[in-house]
Amino acid sequence: MPITENNLLQHELIGLRAKIVQSTNPSLANKEGVIVDETRNTLVLKENESLKIIPKQDVRLRLNLPEGKKVKVDGRKLIARAENRIKKYG
């Protein structure tokens, strides 16, 4: 099943391009990269050659979906292990 705006929370996020559009931590604002890992509470973005650990609860993200659409997501909705989030929203 392709990733869409309607089923985004039911999918793995690794591999998607993300930009932080809002953050409670000003040093994270406008960080951008590819999601390379995910834990219950964090996302790991690869930005150039460095890795940034991003707390999900502190951010709003813009995710670029494979078909080219850009979707904003509140990071708090992503708090869960990927497999549990898929069950929760599936």
Protein backbone atom coordinates (compact mmCIF):
# COMPACT_ATOMS: atom_id res chain seq x y z
CA MET A 1 0.00 0.00 0.00
CA PRO A 2 1.55 3.36 -1.00
CA ILE A 3 2.08 6.03 1.66
CA THR A 4 -0.57 8.77 1.50
CA GLU A 5 -1.61 11.63 3.74
CA ASN A 6 -4.47 9.47 5.06
CA ASN A 7 -2.39 6.42 6.01
CA LEU A 8 0.95 8.05 6.89
CA LEU A 9 0.76 7.11 10.58
CA GLN A 10 0.35 3.45 9.63
CA HIS A 11 3.67 3.36 7.77
CA GLU A 12 7.38 3.17 8.42
CA LEU A 13 8.93 6.66 8.22
CA ILE A 14 12.52 5.59 7.56
CA GLY A 15 13.61 6.84 4.16
CA LEU A 16 11.28 9.84 4.05
CA ARG A 17 12.69 13.34 3.71
CA ALA A 18 11.66 15.56 6.64
CA LYS A 19 11.95 19.21 7.60
CA ILE A 20 11.27 20.58 11.07
CA VAL A 21 8.84 23.46 10.56
CA GLN A 22 8.23 24.19 14.25
CA SER A 23 10.04 23.22 17.42
CA THR A 24 10.08 24.05 21.11
CA ASN A 25 13.88 23.88 20.76
CA PRO A 26 15.03 26.77 18.52
CA SER A 27 18.23 24.93 17.55
CA LEU A 28 16.12 22.27 15.77
CA ALA A 29 14.05 24.71 13.70
CA ASN A 30 14.49 24.26 9.94
CA LYS A 31 16.67 21.16 10.28
CA GLU A 32 16.15 18.99 7.24
CA GLY A 33 17.24 15.53 6.17
CA VAL A 34 16.28 11.92 5.58
CA ILE A 35 14.84 9.86 8.44
CA VAL A 36 17.33 7.03 8.99
CA ASP A 37 16.10 5.62 12.30
CA GLU A 38 13.14 5.83 14.65
CA THR A 39 12.62 4.96 18.31
CA ARG A 40 9.53 5.38 20.46
CA ASN A 41 10.36 9.01 21.28
CA THR A 42 12.86 10.13 18.64
CA LEU A 43 13.60 10.35 14.95
CA VAL A 44 17.14 10.35 13.60
CA LEU A 45 17.69 12.68 10.65
CA LYS A 46 20.71 12.45 8.39
CA GLU A 47 21.57 16.02 7.47
CA ASN A 48 24.49 16.15 5.05
CA GLU A 49 26.90 13.72 6.75
CA SER A 50 25.77 14.26 10.34
CA LEU A 51 23.01 12.60 12.34
CA LYS A 52 20.55 14.65 14.41
CA ILE A 53 18.40 13.06 17.10
CA ILE A 54 15.01 14.77 17.12
CA PRO A 55 12.55 14.36 20.04
CA LYS A 56 9.13 13.69 18.49
CA GLN A 57 7.24 15.54 21.23
CA ASP A 58 9.03 18.83 20.48
CA VAL A 59 8.41 19.20 16.74
CA ARG A 60 6.06 19.64 13.83
CA LEU A 61 7.44 18.08 10.68
CA ARG A 62 6.89 18.43 6.97
CA LEU A 63 7.34 15.00 5.40
CA ASN A 64 7.87 14.51 1.68
CA LEU A 65 5.85 11.51 0.55
CA PRO A 66 7.16 9.27 -2.26
CA GLU A 67 4.65 10.61 -4.83
CA GLY A 68 5.91 14.15 -4.13
CA LYS A 69 3.20 15.48 -1.81
CA LYS A 70 4.33 17.33 1.33
CA VAL A 71 2.43 16.67 4.56
CA LYS A 72 2.71 18.38 7.96
CA VAL A 73 2.59 16.12 11.01
CA ASP A 74 2.60 16.91 14.72
CA GLY A 75 5.45 14.86 16.19
CA ARG A 76 3.31 13.97 19.21
CA LYS A 77 1.15 11.79 16.93
CA LEU A 78 4.27 9.82 16.06
CA ILE A 79 5.18 8.92 19.65
CA ALA A 80 5.23 5.12 19.68
CA ARG A 81 7.43 2.42 18.27
CA ALA A 82 6.73 2.15 14.56
CA GLU A 83 5.18 -1.31 14.91
CA ASN A 84 2.89 -0.14 17.73
CA ARG A 85 1.92 3.05 15.89
CA ILE A 86 0.97 0.94 12.88
CA LYS A 87 -1.31 -1.19 15.10
CA LYS A 88 -2.78 1.89 16.83
CA TYR A 89 -3.71 3.72 13.62
CA GLY A 90 -4.20 0.63 11.43
